[in-house]
Amino acid sequence: MPESIKKYITKIIFCTEILLISGCELIEYHPYDTHIHGDKGINYTQIEKIENSCSSKESIRFILMGDSQRCYDETEDFVDHVNSRNDIDFVIHGGDVSDFGLTREFIWARDIMNKLNVPYVTLIGNHDVLGNGKAVFEEIFGTDNFSFIAGKTKFVCLNTNALEYDYSHPVPNFNFLNSEMTTRQDEYTQTVVVMHAKPYCDQFNNNVAEYFHYTLKNFKNLRFCLHAHEHNTKETDIFEDGTIYYGCPSMDKRSYLLFTLTQNEYGYEEVFF
């Protein structure tokens, strides 16, 4: 065998051994792979932090932000800005962490948001459902419907991206909503409901929009509702009954909504960074 061919075969064997030793760190087998490296179940651990740190507070201050897909630099700046403050209790990401539901997008966003000095929770957005995104989201963050209590306020966080399921999945999940009405009732005095897509937008199952809002009104002292998805600041009395739906800007706007909430009143402002 010619010496040149021997050297070529030796190089191939060497490279193969390196790849086998390195394993999956060098190879992304599938863009929707759910074998996640690093932190998982983030919402569960973050909720514990929120509830512990806010348990005795009469007033809470939290941020609503969202639609950070593709905006990695802006999200980095957002995190740096929040970390420069000392008056924020927690952050709510209103969904659309990813653009195409790719595993790598979720991991990039997770690793940026994990740099926050305050706890944060993440809702699922319509882009997060694309491909195998829902499975990836649930692995990294947790279930698509969840709740937590901060101070005396219960936050009910919902998957409202019905269009992405072609109405084959219970979105919104009324069983979850009804069960939440009777869960931990003695631990809170008021409710805030958070979703990605609000009623009567393109993603919502608008066949049940009125019943959805009627159900929310049955929660103890519903103060207001929050959403993302529309990429701009919104303040809408959708059902003309005094219950306001507040929407946050997308990260490319380099701003977020900051809410201050007590038992008797609340206020909010749009903050630019």
Protein backbone atom coordinates (compact mmCIF):
# COMPACT_ATOMS: atom_id res chain seq x y z
CA MET A 1 0.00 0.00 0.00
CA PRO A 2 1.43 3.41 -0.95
CA GLU A 3 2.62 5.55 1.97
CA SER A 4 0.26 8.42 1.02
CA ILE A 5 -2.79 6.17 1.32
CA LYS A 6 -1.60 4.86 4.70
CA LYS A 7 -1.30 8.42 5.99
CA TYR A 8 -4.78 9.24 4.66
CA ILE A 9 -6.33 6.20 6.40
CA THR A 10 -4.50 7.08 9.62
CA LYS A 11 -5.97 10.57 9.54
CA ILE A 12 -9.49 9.18 9.01
CA ILE A 13 -9.11 6.80 11.95
CA PHE A 14 -7.76 9.59 14.16
CA CYS A 15 -10.63 11.95 13.30
CA THR A 16 -13.17 9.19 13.91
CA GLU A 17 -11.73 8.49 17.34
CA ILE A 18 -11.86 12.19 18.23
CA LEU A 19 -15.52 12.39 17.25
CA LEU A 20 -16.38 9.27 19.26
CA ILE A 21 -14.60 10.62 22.32
CA SER A 22 -16.18 14.07 21.99
CA GLY A 23 -19.64 12.56 21.61
CA CYS A 24 -22.69 14.70 21.12
CA GLU A 25 -20.99 17.94 22.15
CA LEU A 26 -19.74 18.33 18.57
CA ILE A 27 -22.78 16.92 16.80
CA GLU A 28 -26.34 18.17 16.94
CA TYR A 29 -28.17 15.05 15.83
CA HIS A 30 -31.51 16.76 15.25
CA PRO A 31 -32.57 20.41 15.50
CA TYR A 32 -35.54 19.37 17.67
CA ASP A 33 -33.59 16.95 19.88
CA THR A 34 -35.07 16.80 23.40
CA HIS A 35 -31.93 15.42 25.05
CA ILE A 36 -31.21 18.71 26.79
CA HIS A 37 -27.89 19.57 28.39
CA GLY A 38 -27.80 22.03 31.27
CA ASP A 39 -30.65 23.37 33.40
CA LYS A 40 -34.09 21.79 33.02
CA GLY A 41 -37.42 22.30 34.76
CA ILE A 42 -36.53 25.95 35.24
CA ASN A 43 -40.03 27.24 36.01
CA TYR A 44 -40.37 24.85 38.95
CA THR A 45 -37.17 26.02 40.65
CA GLN A 46 -37.83 29.68 39.82
CA ILE A 47 -41.37 29.56 41.19
CA GLU A 48 -40.02 28.26 44.50
CA LYS A 49 -37.63 31.23 44.62
CA ILE A 50 -40.42 33.72 43.79
CA GLU A 51 -42.79 32.34 46.41
CA ASN A 52 -40.11 32.27 49.10
CA SER A 53 -38.77 35.77 48.42
CA CYS A 54 -42.23 37.37 48.11
CA SER A 55 -44.09 35.48 50.83
CA SER A 56 -44.27 38.37 53.29
CA LYS A 57 -44.46 41.28 50.83
CA GLU A 58 -47.44 43.63 50.75
CA SER A 59 -46.20 45.19 47.51
CA ILE A 60 -44.51 43.44 44.60
CA ARG A 61 -42.75 44.77 41.51
CA PHE A 62 -42.41 42.55 38.48
CA ILE A 63 -41.51 42.82 34.81
CA LEU A 64 -43.50 41.56 31.84
CA MET A 65 -41.40 41.06 28.71
CA GLY A 66 -41.69 38.73 25.75
CA ASP A 67 -41.16 37.83 22.10
CA SER A 68 -37.40 37.64 22.40
CA GLN A 69 -36.99 35.34 19.39
CA ARG A 70 -33.90 36.27 17.34
CA CYS A 71 -33.21 39.18 19.75
CA TYR A 72 -30.29 37.63 21.61
CA ASP A 73 -28.22 40.82 21.86
CA GLU A 74 -31.23 42.83 23.04
CA THR A 75 -32.07 40.15 25.61
CA GLU A 76 -28.49 40.23 26.88
CA ASP A 77 -28.84 44.00 27.31
CA PHE A 78 -32.20 43.53 29.03
CA VAL A 79 -30.64 41.14 31.54
CA ASP A 80 -27.78 43.56 32.22
CA HIS A 81 -30.28 46.38 32.71
CA VAL A 82 -32.44 44.40 35.16
CA ASN A 83 -29.35 43.31 37.07
CA SER A 84 -28.38 46.96 37.47
CA ARG A 85 -31.61 47.59 39.41
CA ASN A 86 -32.42 46.53 42.95
CA ASP A 87 -36.20 47.00 42.96
CA ILE A 88 -37.47 44.02 40.91
CA ASP A 89 -38.97 40.92 42.52
CA PHE A 90 -39.24 38.72 39.42
CA VAL A 91 -39.58 38.64 35.64
CA ILE A 92 -42.31 37.05 33.51
CA HIS A 93 -41.35 36.12 29.95
CA GLY A 94 -44.61 36.13 27.99
CA GLY A 95 -43.52 33.58 25.39
CA ASP A 96 -41.90 33.20 21.99
CA VAL A 97 -38.50 32.34 23.34
CA SER A 98 -37.75 30.72 19.98
CA ASP A 99 -38.55 31.53 16.37
CA PHE A 100 -38.74 28.04 14.87
CA GLY A 101 -39.05 25.87 17.98
CA LEU A 102 -35.43 24.73 17.59
CA THR A 103 -33.69 23.20 20.58
CA ARG A 104 -30.67 25.44 20.12
CA GLU A 105 -32.89 28.57 20.26
CA PHE A 106 -34.36 27.51 23.60
CA ILE A 107 -30.92 26.78 25.02
CA TRP A 108 -29.51 30.13 23.86
CA ALA A 109 -32.44 31.99 25.42
CA ARG A 110 -32.27 29.94 28.62
CA ASP A 111 -28.57 30.60 29.07
CA ILE A 112 -29.11 34.35 28.66
CA MET A 113 -32.11 34.56 30.99
CA ASN A 114 -30.32 32.42 33.59
CA LYS A 115 -27.95 35.34 34.12
CA LEU A 116 -30.74 37.34 35.76
CA ASN A 117 -30.17 38.17 39.42
CA VAL A 118 -33.91 37.79 40.08
CA PRO A 119 -36.17 34.78 39.47
CA TYR A 120 -38.03 34.45 36.18
CA VAL A 121 -40.73 32.24 34.66
CA THR A 122 -41.41 31.61 30.98
CA LEU A 123 -44.71 31.03 29.19
CA ILE A 124 -45.02 29.14 25.93
CA GLY A 125 -45.58 31.21 22.78
CA ASN A 126 -46.95 30.21 19.39
CA HIS A 127 -43.46 30.06 17.84
CA ASP A 128 -42.35 27.82 20.71
CA VAL A 129 -44.88 25.20 19.62
CA LEU A 130 -43.45 24.82 16.09
CA GLY A 131 -41.83 21.49 15.19
CA ASN A 132 -41.10 19.62 18.39
CA GLY A 133 -40.89 22.89 20.28
CA LYS A 134 -43.54 22.10 22.87
CA ALA A 135 -41.61 19.02 24.02
CA VAL A 136 -38.38 21.02 24.16
CA PHE A 137 -40.10 23.84 26.07
CA GLU A 138 -41.54 21.41 28.61
CA GLU A 139 -38.14 19.77 29.10
CA ILE A 140 -36.31 23.06 29.67
CA PHE A 141 -38.99 25.16 31.39
CA GLY A 142 -41.89 22.95 32.44
CA THR A 143 -45.58 22.45 31.76
CA ASP A 144 -47.39 24.83 29.42
CA ASN A 145 -49.96 25.78 32.11
CA PHE A 146 -48.81 26.67 35.61
CA SER A 147 -49.41 29.03 38.52
CA PHE A 148 -47.59 30.57 41.45
CA ILE A 149 -48.29 32.92 44.34
CA ALA A 150 -46.25 36.08 44.97
CA GLY A 151 -47.22 37.86 48.17
CA LYS A 152 -50.99 37.56 48.21
CA THR A 153 -51.39 37.47 44.41
CA LYS A 154 -51.94 34.31 42.40
CA PHE A 155 -50.48 34.35 38.88
CA VAL A 156 -52.20 31.92 36.52
CA CYS A 157 -50.04 31.34 33.42
CA LEU A 158 -51.66 29.81 30.34
CA ASN A 159 -51.00 28.31 26.94
CA THR A 160 -53.42 30.16 24.62
CA ASN A 161 -51.81 29.32 21.25
CA ALA A 162 -54.76 27.34 19.90
CA LEU A 163 -54.05 27.88 16.20
CA GLU A 164 -50.79 25.94 16.38
CA TYR A 165 -52.69 22.82 17.48
CA ASP A 166 -55.35 23.07 14.74
CA TYR A 167 -57.86 22.92 17.62
CA SER A 168 -56.87 19.30 18.36
CA HIS A 169 -55.55 20.17 21.84
CA PRO A 170 -57.46 21.79 24.75
CA VAL A 171 -56.14 25.36 24.40
CA PRO A 172 -57.07 27.19 26.55
CA ASN A 173 -57.27 24.32 29.02
CA PHE A 174 -60.50 24.90 30.95
CA ASN A 175 -59.92 21.86 33.16
CA PHE A 176 -56.71 23.49 34.38
CA LEU A 177 -58.47 26.83 34.88
CA ASN A 178 -61.32 25.32 36.86
CA SER A 179 -58.95 23.33 39.07
CA GLU A 180 -56.87 26.44 39.78
CA MET A 181 -59.93 28.23 41.18
CA THR A 182 -60.04 25.84 44.12
CA THR A 183 -56.30 25.34 44.59
CA ARG A 184 -54.54 27.14 47.49
CA GLN A 185 -57.57 29.42 47.94
CA ASP A 186 -56.60 30.51 51.44
CA GLU A 187 -53.12 31.65 50.31
CA TYR A 188 -54.06 34.56 48.04
CA THR A 189 -56.53 37.44 47.85
CA GLN A 190 -56.28 38.50 44.20
CA THR A 191 -55.46 37.07 40.78
CA VAL A 192 -53.49 38.06 37.69
CA VAL A 193 -53.81 35.91 34.55
CA VAL A 194 -50.93 35.75 32.06
CA MET A 195 -51.01 34.37 28.50
CA HIS A 196 -49.11 34.71 25.25
CA ALA A 197 -52.02 35.39 22.89
CA LYS A 198 -55.01 37.38 24.10
CA PRO A 199 -58.65 36.77 23.09
CA TYR A 200 -59.64 37.82 19.56
CA CYS A 201 -56.10 37.72 18.20
CA ASP A 202 -55.02 35.40 15.39
CA GLN A 203 -53.74 32.61 17.68
CA PHE A 204 -56.62 32.43 20.14
CA ASN A 205 -59.56 30.01 19.85
CA ASN A 206 -62.05 32.82 19.44
CA ASN A 207 -64.99 30.42 19.48
CA VAL A 208 -64.52 30.33 23.25
CA ALA A 209 -63.23 33.87 23.83
CA GLU A 210 -66.26 35.07 25.79
CA TYR A 211 -66.48 31.89 27.87
CA PHE A 212 -62.74 32.13 28.55
CA HIS A 213 -63.10 35.65 29.90
CA TYR A 214 -66.18 34.66 31.91
CA THR A 215 -64.12 31.85 33.48
CA LEU A 216 -61.30 34.24 34.37
CA LYS A 217 -63.77 36.58 36.05
CA ASN A 218 -64.64 33.77 38.45
CA PHE A 219 -61.15 33.84 39.93
CA LYS A 220 -60.80 35.60 43.26
CA ASN A 221 -60.52 39.36 42.69
CA LEU A 222 -59.17 39.30 39.12
CA ARG A 223 -57.07 42.48 38.87
CA PHE A 224 -55.97 42.40 35.22
CA CYS A 225 -54.64 40.13 32.47
CA LEU A 226 -51.25 40.15 30.74
CA HIS A 227 -50.13 39.00 27.31
CA ALA A 228 -47.33 39.22 24.75
CA HIS A 229 -47.48 38.20 21.04
CA GLU A 230 -48.42 41.53 19.46
CA HIS A 231 -44.92 43.03 19.86
CA ASN A 232 -46.18 46.42 21.05
CA THR A 233 -47.43 47.93 24.28
CA LYS A 234 -51.19 47.44 24.54
CA GLU A 235 -53.86 48.43 27.06
CA THR A 236 -57.22 47.02 26.01
CA ASP A 237 -60.58 46.60 27.74
CA ILE A 238 -61.47 43.80 25.31
CA PHE A 239 -64.83 42.89 26.84
CA GLU A 240 -65.71 46.42 28.01
CA ASP A 241 -66.19 45.36 31.61
CA GLY A 242 -63.24 47.12 33.24
CA THR A 243 -60.83 44.16 33.09
CA ILE A 244 -57.77 45.39 31.22
CA TYR A 245 -55.51 43.19 29.10
CA TYR A 246 -51.98 44.62 29.07
CA GLY A 247 -49.61 43.61 26.28
CA CYS A 248 -45.84 44.01 26.38
CA PRO A 249 -43.45 45.08 23.60
CA SER A 250 -41.09 42.61 21.94
CA MET A 251 -37.42 42.64 22.87
CA ASP A 252 -36.41 44.35 19.63
CA LYS A 253 -38.23 47.45 20.95
CA ARG A 254 -35.68 47.46 23.79
CA SER A 255 -38.38 48.00 26.42
CA TYR A 256 -40.56 46.15 28.91
CA LEU A 257 -43.49 46.74 31.26
CA LEU A 258 -42.85 47.21 34.97
CA PHE A 259 -45.82 46.61 37.28
CA THR A 260 -46.21 47.62 40.91
CA LEU A 261 -49.00 45.72 42.65
CA THR A 262 -50.47 46.03 46.14
CA GLN A 263 -53.72 44.83 47.67
CA ASN A 264 -55.49 48.08 46.89
CA GLU A 265 -53.97 49.42 43.70
CA TYR A 266 -51.56 48.82 40.86
CA GLY A 267 -49.68 50.79 38.25
CA TYR A 268 -47.33 50.14 35.38
CA GLU A 269 -44.84 51.93 33.17
CA GLU A 270 -42.94 51.11 29.99
CA VAL A 271 -39.22 51.13 30.68
CA PHE A 272 -36.63 51.51 27.91
CA PHE A 273 -33.10 50.19 28.14
